[in-house]
């Protein structure tokens, strides 16, 4: 937890120096999908996993989807 809140997509992008386009490319997603996810719009579980996997690879972490605040995963 960071100051009572979990980190967001934008937080991780910024510490890595990534644009939304960079994250989209590394997660193999459309940049509009990354924008949607970052703005709290509904995304698929597969999309959320792709985002988390990109961060995990870059950071050497083992985060789960639930570890990133604001991911609005639909079933």
PDB file of N, CA and C in Angstrom:
ATOM      1  N   UNK A   1       0.849  -1.186   0.000  1.00  0.00           N
ATOM      2  CA  UNK A   1       0.000   0.000   0.000  1.00  0.00           C
ATOM      3  C   UNK A   1       0.890   1.243   0.000  1.00  0.00           C
ATOM      4  N   UNK A   2       0.451   2.236  -0.723  1.00  0.00           N
ATOM      5  CA  UNK A   2       1.198   3.484  -0.845  1.00  0.00           C
ATOM      6  C   UNK A   2       0.327   4.606  -0.304  1.00  0.00           C
ATOM      7  N   UNK A   3       0.613   5.075   0.920  1.00  0.00           N
ATOM      8  CA  UNK A   3      -0.162   6.155   1.506  1.00  0.00           C
ATOM      9  C   UNK A   3      -1.634   5.820   1.646  1.00  0.00           C
ATOM     10  N   UNK A   4      -1.944   4.556   1.929  1.00  0.00           N
ATOM     11  CA  UNK A   4      -3.331   4.152   2.078  1.00  0.00           C
ATOM     12  C   UNK A   4      -3.995   3.751   0.773  1.00  0.00           C
ATOM     13  N   UNK A   5      -3.298   3.911  -0.336  1.00  0.00           N
ATOM     14  CA  UNK A   5      -3.847   3.536  -1.637  1.00  0.00           C
ATOM     15  C   UNK A   5      -2.878   2.613  -2.348  1.00  0.00           C
ATOM     16  N   UNK A   6      -3.435   1.738  -3.160  1.00  0.00           N
ATOM     17  CA  UNK A   6      -2.576   0.907  -4.002  1.00  0.00           C
ATOM     18  C   UNK A   6      -2.146   1.729  -5.209  1.00  0.00           C
ATOM     19  N   UNK A   7      -1.011   1.402  -5.785  1.00  0.00           N
ATOM     20  CA  UNK A   7      -0.550   2.124  -6.972  1.00  0.00           C
ATOM     21  C   UNK A   7      -1.479   1.891  -8.164  1.00  0.00           C
ATOM     22  N   UNK A   8      -1.521   2.852  -9.039  1.00  0.00           N
ATOM     23  CA  UNK A   8      -2.361   2.802 -10.238  1.00  0.00           C
ATOM     24  C   UNK A   8      -1.506   2.503 -11.469  1.00  0.00           C
ATOM     25  N   UNK A   9      -2.170   2.296 -12.595  1.00  0.00           N
ATOM     26  CA  UNK A   9      -1.460   2.115 -13.865  1.00  0.00           C
ATOM     27  C   UNK A   9      -0.570   3.324 -14.122  1.00  0.00           C
ATOM     28  N   UNK A  10      -1.123   4.503 -13.946  1.00  0.00           N
ATOM     29  CA  UNK A  10      -0.362   5.731 -14.211  1.00  0.00           C
ATOM     30  C   UNK A  10       0.881   5.802 -13.321  1.00  0.00           C
ATOM     31  N   UNK A  11       0.756   5.401 -12.066  1.00  0.00           N
ATOM     32  CA  UNK A  11       1.901   5.400 -11.150  1.00  0.00           C
ATOM     33  C   UNK A  11       3.031   4.539 -11.717  1.00  0.00           C
ATOM     34  N   UNK A  12       2.697   3.306 -12.077  1.00  0.00           N
ATOM     35  CA  UNK A  12       3.729   2.410 -12.605  1.00  0.00           C
ATOM     36  C   UNK A  12       4.290   2.914 -13.930  1.00  0.00           C
ATOM     37  N   UNK A  13       3.449   3.450 -14.777  1.00  0.00           N
ATOM     38  CA  UNK A  13       3.943   4.006 -16.046  1.00  0.00           C
ATOM     39  C   UNK A  13       4.960   5.109 -15.790  1.00  0.00           C
ATOM     40  N   UNK A  14       4.634   5.971 -14.853  1.00  0.00           N
ATOM     41  CA  UNK A  14       5.519   7.114 -14.573  1.00  0.00           C
ATOM     42  C   UNK A  14       6.850   6.686 -13.970  1.00  0.00           C
ATOM     43  N   UNK A  15       6.840   5.721 -13.047  1.00  0.00           N
ATOM     44  CA  UNK A  15       8.126   5.307 -12.474  1.00  0.00           C
ATOM     45  C   UNK A  15       8.986   4.586 -13.508  1.00  0.00           C
ATOM     46  N   UNK A  16       8.351   4.001 -14.509  1.00  0.00           N
ATOM     47  CA  UNK A  16       9.097   3.336 -15.582  1.00  0.00           C
ATOM     48  C   UNK A  16       9.429   4.287 -16.731  1.00  0.00           C
ATOM     49  N   UNK A  17       8.849   5.489 -16.698  1.00  0.00           N
ATOM     50  CA  UNK A  17       9.085   6.445 -17.774  1.00  0.00           C
ATOM     51  C   UNK A  17       8.370   6.074 -19.063  1.00  0.00           C
ATOM     52  N   UNK A  18       7.253   5.357 -18.935  1.00  0.00           N
ATOM     53  CA  UNK A  18       6.501   4.892 -20.101  1.00  0.00           C
ATOM     54  C   UNK A  18       5.336   5.815 -20.412  1.00  0.00           C
ATOM     55  N   UNK A  19       5.065   5.985 -21.678  1.00  0.00           N
ATOM     56  CA  UNK A  19       3.832   6.631 -22.131  1.00  0.00           C
ATOM     57  C   UNK A  19       2.751   5.548 -22.204  1.00  0.00           C
ATOM     58  N   UNK A  20       1.518   5.963 -22.439  1.00  0.00           N
ATOM     59  CA  UNK A  20       0.454   4.976 -22.646  1.00  0.00           C
ATOM     60  C   UNK A  20       0.774   4.124 -23.871  1.00  0.00           C
ATOM     61  N   UNK A  21       1.350   4.758 -24.882  1.00  0.00           N
ATOM     62  CA  UNK A  21       1.725   4.022 -26.091  1.00  0.00           C
ATOM     63  C   UNK A  21       2.791   2.962 -25.773  1.00  0.00           C
ATOM     64  N   UNK A  22       3.767   3.310 -24.952  1.00  0.00           N
ATOM     65  CA  UNK A  22       4.809   2.346 -24.570  1.00  0.00           C
ATOM     66  C   UNK A  22       4.192   1.135 -23.877  1.00  0.00           C
ATOM     67  N   UNK A  23       3.312   1.393 -22.913  1.00  0.00           N
ATOM     68  CA  UNK A  23       2.657   0.291 -22.207  1.00  0.00           C
ATOM     69  C   UNK A  23       1.847  -0.553 -23.178  1.00  0.00           C
ATOM     70  N   UNK A  24       1.118   0.097 -24.076  1.00  0.00           N
ATOM     71  CA  UNK A  24       0.318  -0.639 -25.055  1.00  0.00           C
ATOM     72  C   UNK A  24       1.204  -1.559 -25.895  1.00  0.00           C
ATOM     73  N   UNK A  25       2.322  -1.040 -26.351  1.00  0.00           N
ATOM     74  CA  UNK A  25       3.233  -1.833 -27.187  1.00  0.00           C
ATOM     75  C   UNK A  25       3.780  -3.030 -26.407  1.00  0.00           C
ATOM     76  N   UNK A  26       4.219  -2.794 -25.179  1.00  0.00           N
ATOM     77  CA  UNK A  26       4.810  -3.864 -24.377  1.00  0.00           C
ATOM     78  C   UNK A  26       3.783  -4.894 -23.916  1.00  0.00           C
ATOM     79  N   UNK A  27       2.542  -4.459 -23.721  1.00  0.00           N
ATOM     80  CA  UNK A  27       1.472  -5.371 -23.308  1.00  0.00           C
ATOM     81  C   UNK A  27       0.738  -5.954 -24.516  1.00  0.00           C
ATOM     82  N   UNK A  28       1.141  -5.511 -25.718  1.00  0.00           N
ATOM     83  CA  UNK A  28       0.504  -5.946 -26.970  1.00  0.00           C
ATOM     84  C   UNK A  28      -0.986  -5.621 -26.979  1.00  0.00           C
ATOM     85  N   UNK A  29      -1.270  -4.367 -26.628  1.00  0.00           N
ATOM     86  CA  UNK A  29      -2.642  -3.868 -26.594  1.00  0.00           C
ATOM     87  C   UNK A  29      -2.751  -2.629 -27.465  1.00  0.00           C
ATOM     88  N   UNK A  30      -3.973  -2.287 -27.815  1.00  0.00           N
ATOM     89  CA  UNK A  30      -4.244  -1.042 -28.521  1.00  0.00           C
ATOM     90  C   UNK A  30      -4.059   0.107 -27.528  1.00  0.00           C
ATOM     91  N   UNK A  31      -3.427   1.207 -27.935  1.00  0.00           N
ATOM     92  CA  UNK A  31      -3.271   2.341 -27.013  1.00  0.00           C
ATOM     93  C   UNK A  31      -4.598   2.847 -26.443  1.00  0.00           C
ATOM     94  N   UNK A  32      -5.669   2.760 -27.220  1.00  0.00           N
ATOM     95  CA  UNK A  32      -6.982   3.178 -26.702  1.00  0.00           C
ATOM     96  C   UNK A  32      -7.437   2.280 -25.558  1.00  0.00           C
ATOM     97  N   UNK A  33      -7.063   1.013 -25.607  1.00  0.00           N
ATOM     98  CA  UNK A  33      -7.414   0.082 -24.529  1.00  0.00           C
ATOM     99  C   UNK A  33      -6.672   0.455 -23.250  1.00  0.00           C
ATOM    100  N   UNK A  34      -5.410   0.829 -23.371  1.00  0.00           N
ATOM    101  CA  UNK A  34      -4.639   1.265 -22.201  1.00  0.00           C
ATOM    102  C   UNK A  34      -5.256   2.532 -21.625  1.00  0.00           C
ATOM    103  N   UNK A  35      -5.615   3.462 -22.475  1.00  0.00           N
ATOM    104  CA  UNK A  35      -6.244   4.713 -22.027  1.00  0.00           C
ATOM    105  C   UNK A  35      -7.539   4.402 -21.273  1.00  0.00           C
ATOM    106  N   UNK A  36      -8.330   3.499 -21.837  1.00  0.00           N
ATOM    107  CA  UNK A  36      -9.587   3.081 -21.215  1.00  0.00           C
ATOM    108  C   UNK A  36      -9.321   2.484 -19.824  1.00  0.00           C
ATOM    109  N   UNK A  37      -8.355   1.593 -19.736  1.00  0.00           N
ATOM    110  CA  UNK A  37      -8.028   0.952 -18.452  1.00  0.00           C
ATOM    111  C   UNK A  37      -7.578   1.984 -17.429  1.00  0.00           C
ATOM    112  N   UNK A  38      -6.749   2.911 -17.876  1.00  0.00           N
ATOM    113  CA  UNK A  38      -6.218   3.929 -16.968  1.00  0.00           C
ATOM    114  C   UNK A  38      -7.315   4.868 -16.466  1.00  0.00           C
ATOM    115  N   UNK A  39      -8.360   5.038 -17.252  1.00  0.00           N
ATOM    116  CA  UNK A  39      -9.472   5.911 -16.866  1.00  0.00           C
ATOM    117  C   UNK A  39     -10.575   5.173 -16.121  1.00  0.00           C
ATOM    118  N   UNK A  40     -10.331   3.900 -15.755  1.00  0.00           N
ATOM    119  CA  UNK A  40     -11.293   3.151 -14.955  1.00  0.00           C
ATOM    120  C   UNK A  40     -12.459   2.575 -15.717  1.00  0.00           C
ATOM    121  N   UNK A  41     -12.368   2.569 -17.037  1.00  0.00           N
ATOM    122  CA  UNK A  41     -13.435   1.971 -17.853  1.00  0.00           C
ATOM    123  C   UNK A  41     -13.301   0.450 -17.784  1.00  0.00           C
ATOM    124  N   UNK A  42     -14.402  -0.271 -18.014  1.00  0.00           N
ATOM    125  CA  UNK A  42     -14.344  -1.736 -17.951  1.00  0.00           C
ATOM    126  C   UNK A  42     -13.389  -2.324 -18.997  1.00  0.00           C
ATOM    127  N   UNK A  43     -12.596  -3.289 -18.549  1.00  0.00           N
ATOM    128  CA  UNK A  43     -11.690  -4.014 -19.437  1.00  0.00           C
ATOM    129  C   UNK A  43     -11.818  -5.504 -19.142  1.00  0.00           C
ATOM    130  N   UNK A  44     -11.365  -6.324 -20.066  1.00  0.00           N
ATOM    131  CA  UNK A  44     -11.424  -7.772 -19.863  1.00  0.00           C
ATOM    132  C   UNK A  44     -10.323  -8.220 -18.905  1.00  0.00           C
ATOM    133  N   UNK A  45     -10.517  -9.389 -18.347  1.00  0.00           N
ATOM    134  CA  UNK A  45      -9.490  -9.963 -17.489  1.00  0.00           C
ATOM    135  C   UNK A  45      -8.194 -10.181 -18.249  1.00  0.00           C
ATOM    136  N   UNK A  46      -8.308 -10.576 -19.501  1.00  0.00           N
ATOM    137  CA  UNK A  46      -7.132 -10.809 -20.343  1.00  0.00           C
ATOM    138  C   UNK A  46      -6.330  -9.518 -20.535  1.00  0.00           C
ATOM    139  N   UNK A  47      -7.038  -8.408 -20.724  1.00  0.00           N
ATOM    140  CA  UNK A  47      -6.380  -7.106 -20.870  1.00  0.00           C
ATOM    141  C   UNK A  47      -5.669  -6.720 -19.579  1.00  0.00           C
ATOM    142  N   UNK A  48      -6.341  -6.906 -18.455  1.00  0.00           N
ATOM    143  CA  UNK A  48      -5.742  -6.571 -17.157  1.00  0.00           C
ATOM    144  C   UNK A  48      -4.481  -7.391 -16.916  1.00  0.00           C
ATOM    145  N   UNK A  49      -4.533  -8.662 -17.253  1.00  0.00           N
ATOM    146  CA  UNK A  49      -3.365  -9.531 -17.072  1.00  0.00           C
ATOM    147  C   UNK A  49      -2.217  -9.079 -17.968  1.00  0.00           C
ATOM    148  N   UNK A  50      -2.519  -8.673 -19.192  1.00  0.00           N
ATOM    149  CA  UNK A  50      -1.474  -8.199 -20.108  1.00  0.00           C
ATOM    150  C   UNK A  50      -0.774  -6.965 -19.542  1.00  0.00           C
ATOM    151  N   UNK A  51      -1.544  -6.064 -18.958  1.00  0.00           N
ATOM    152  CA  UNK A  51      -0.971  -4.853 -18.354  1.00  0.00           C
ATOM    153  C   UNK A  51      -0.085  -5.215 -17.167  1.00  0.00           C
ATOM    154  N   UNK A  52      -0.604  -6.046 -16.278  1.00  0.00           N
ATOM    155  CA  UNK A  52       0.156  -6.447 -15.093  1.00  0.00           C
ATOM    156  C   UNK A  52       1.420  -7.213 -15.495  1.00  0.00           C
ATOM    157  N   UNK A  53       1.308  -8.075 -16.492  1.00  0.00           N
ATOM    158  CA  UNK A  53       2.478  -8.832 -16.946  1.00  0.00           C
ATOM    159  C   UNK A  53       3.575  -7.912 -17.482  1.00  0.00           C
ATOM    160  N   UNK A  54       3.188  -6.868 -18.206  1.00  0.00           N
ATOM    161  CA  UNK A  54       4.177  -5.911 -18.726  1.00  0.00           C
ATOM    162  C   UNK A  54       4.908  -5.228 -17.570  1.00  0.00           C
ATOM    163  N   UNK A  55       4.160  -4.814 -16.547  1.00  0.00           N
ATOM    164  CA  UNK A  55       4.787  -4.195 -15.378  1.00  0.00           C
ATOM    165  C   UNK A  55       5.676  -5.196 -14.633  1.00  0.00           C
ATOM    166  N   UNK A  56       5.183  -6.413 -14.453  1.00  0.00           N
ATOM    167  CA  UNK A  56       5.965  -7.427 -13.744  1.00  0.00           C
ATOM    168  C   UNK A  56       7.298  -7.687 -14.434  1.00  0.00           C
ATOM    169  N   UNK A  57       7.267  -7.793 -15.747  1.00  0.00           N
ATOM    170  CA  UNK A  57       8.502  -8.055 -16.481  1.00  0.00           C
ATOM    171  C   UNK A  57       9.489  -6.899 -16.326  1.00  0.00           C
ATOM    172  N   UNK A  58       8.988  -5.688 -16.425  1.00  0.00           N
ATOM    173  CA  UNK A  58       9.864  -4.511 -16.339  1.00  0.00           C
ATOM    174  C   UNK A  58      10.409  -4.296 -14.930  1.00  0.00           C
ATOM    175  N   UNK A  59       9.604  -4.606 -13.932  1.00  0.00           N
ATOM    176  CA  UNK A  59       9.981  -4.331 -12.543  1.00  0.00           C
ATOM    177  C   UNK A  59      10.562  -5.535 -11.808  1.00  0.00           C
ATOM    178  N   UNK A  60      10.472  -6.716 -12.421  1.00  0.00           N
ATOM    179  CA  UNK A  60      10.919  -7.922 -11.737  1.00  0.00           C
ATOM    180  C   UNK A  60      10.037  -8.260 -10.550  1.00  0.00           C
ATOM    181  N   UNK A  61       8.755  -7.939 -10.672  1.00  0.00           N
ATOM    182  CA  UNK A  61       7.786  -8.156  -9.587  1.00  0.00           C
ATOM    183  C   UNK A  61       6.895  -9.355  -9.904  1.00  0.00           C
ATOM    184  N   UNK A  62       5.998  -9.652  -8.971  1.00  0.00           N
ATOM    185  CA  UNK A  62       5.017 -10.723  -9.139  1.00  0.00           C
ATOM    186  C   UNK A  62       3.650 -10.210  -8.705  1.00  0.00           C
ATOM    187  N   UNK A  63       3.261  -9.057  -9.260  1.00  0.00           N
ATOM    188  CA  UNK A  63       1.975  -8.454  -8.899  1.00  0.00           C
ATOM    189  C   UNK A  63       0.829  -9.230  -9.531  1.00  0.00           C
ATOM    190  N   UNK A  64      -0.328  -9.055  -8.931  1.00  0.00           N
ATOM    191  CA  UNK A  64      -1.572  -9.591  -9.461  1.00  0.00           C
ATOM    192  C   UNK A  64      -2.444  -8.427  -9.896  1.00  0.00           C
ATOM    193  N   UNK A  65      -3.491  -8.727 -10.642  1.00  0.00           N
ATOM    194  CA  UNK A  65      -4.418  -7.679 -11.089  1.00  0.00           C
ATOM    195  C   UNK A  65      -4.939  -6.893  -9.897  1.00  0.00           C
ATOM    196  N   UNK A  66      -5.245  -7.575  -8.818  1.00  0.00           N
ATOM    197  CA  UNK A  66      -5.817  -6.896  -7.642  1.00  0.00           C
ATOM    198  C   UNK A  66      -4.838  -5.935  -6.968  1.00  0.00           C
ATOM    199  N   UNK A  67      -3.559  -6.002  -7.340  1.00  0.00           N
ATOM    200  CA  UNK A  67      -2.549  -5.127  -6.742  1.00  0.00           C
ATOM    201  C   UNK A  67      -2.486  -3.746  -7.384  1.00  0.00           C
ATOM    202  N   UNK A  68      -3.255  -3.529  -8.448  1.00  0.00           N
ATOM    203  CA  UNK A  68      -3.254  -2.232  -9.128  1.00  0.00           C
ATOM    204  C   UNK A  68      -4.630  -1.598  -8.970  1.00  0.00           C
ATOM    205  N   UNK A  69      -4.643  -0.448  -8.327  1.00  0.00           N
ATOM    206  CA  UNK A  69      -5.899   0.254  -8.071  1.00  0.00           C
ATOM    207  C   UNK A  69      -6.503   0.768  -9.374  1.00  0.00           C
ATOM    208  N   UNK A  70      -7.813   0.655  -9.470  1.00  0.00           N
ATOM    209  CA  UNK A  70      -8.533   1.259 -10.583  1.00  0.00           C
ATOM    210  C   UNK A  70      -8.759   0.354 -11.774  1.00  0.00           C
ATOM    211  N   UNK A  71      -8.221  -0.872 -11.752  1.00  0.00           N
ATOM    212  CA  UNK A  71      -8.500  -1.781 -12.860  1.00  0.00           C
ATOM    213  C   UNK A  71      -9.929  -2.291 -12.705  1.00  0.00           C
ATOM    214  N   UNK A  72     -10.767  -1.946 -13.653  1.00  0.00           N
ATOM    215  CA  UNK A  72     -12.186  -2.287 -13.618  1.00  0.00           C
ATOM    216  C   UNK A  72     -12.413  -3.479 -14.545  1.00  0.00           C
ATOM    217  N   UNK A  73     -12.218  -4.680 -14.000  1.00  0.00           N
ATOM    218  CA  UNK A  73     -12.280  -5.898 -14.803  1.00  0.00           C
ATOM    219  C   UNK A  73     -13.709  -6.413 -14.861  1.00  0.00           C
ATOM    220  N   UNK A  74     -14.176  -6.657 -16.092  1.00  0.00           N
ATOM    221  CA  UNK A  74     -15.507  -7.227 -16.292  1.00  0.00           C
ATOM    222  C   UNK A  74     -15.374  -8.723 -16.503  1.00  0.00           C
ATOM    223  N   UNK A  75     -16.437  -9.418 -16.199  1.00  0.00           N
ATOM    224  CA  UNK A  75     -16.430 -10.876 -16.355  1.00  0.00           C
ATOM    225  C   UNK A  75     -17.044 -11.249 -17.676  1.00  0.00           C
TER     226      UNK A  75
END
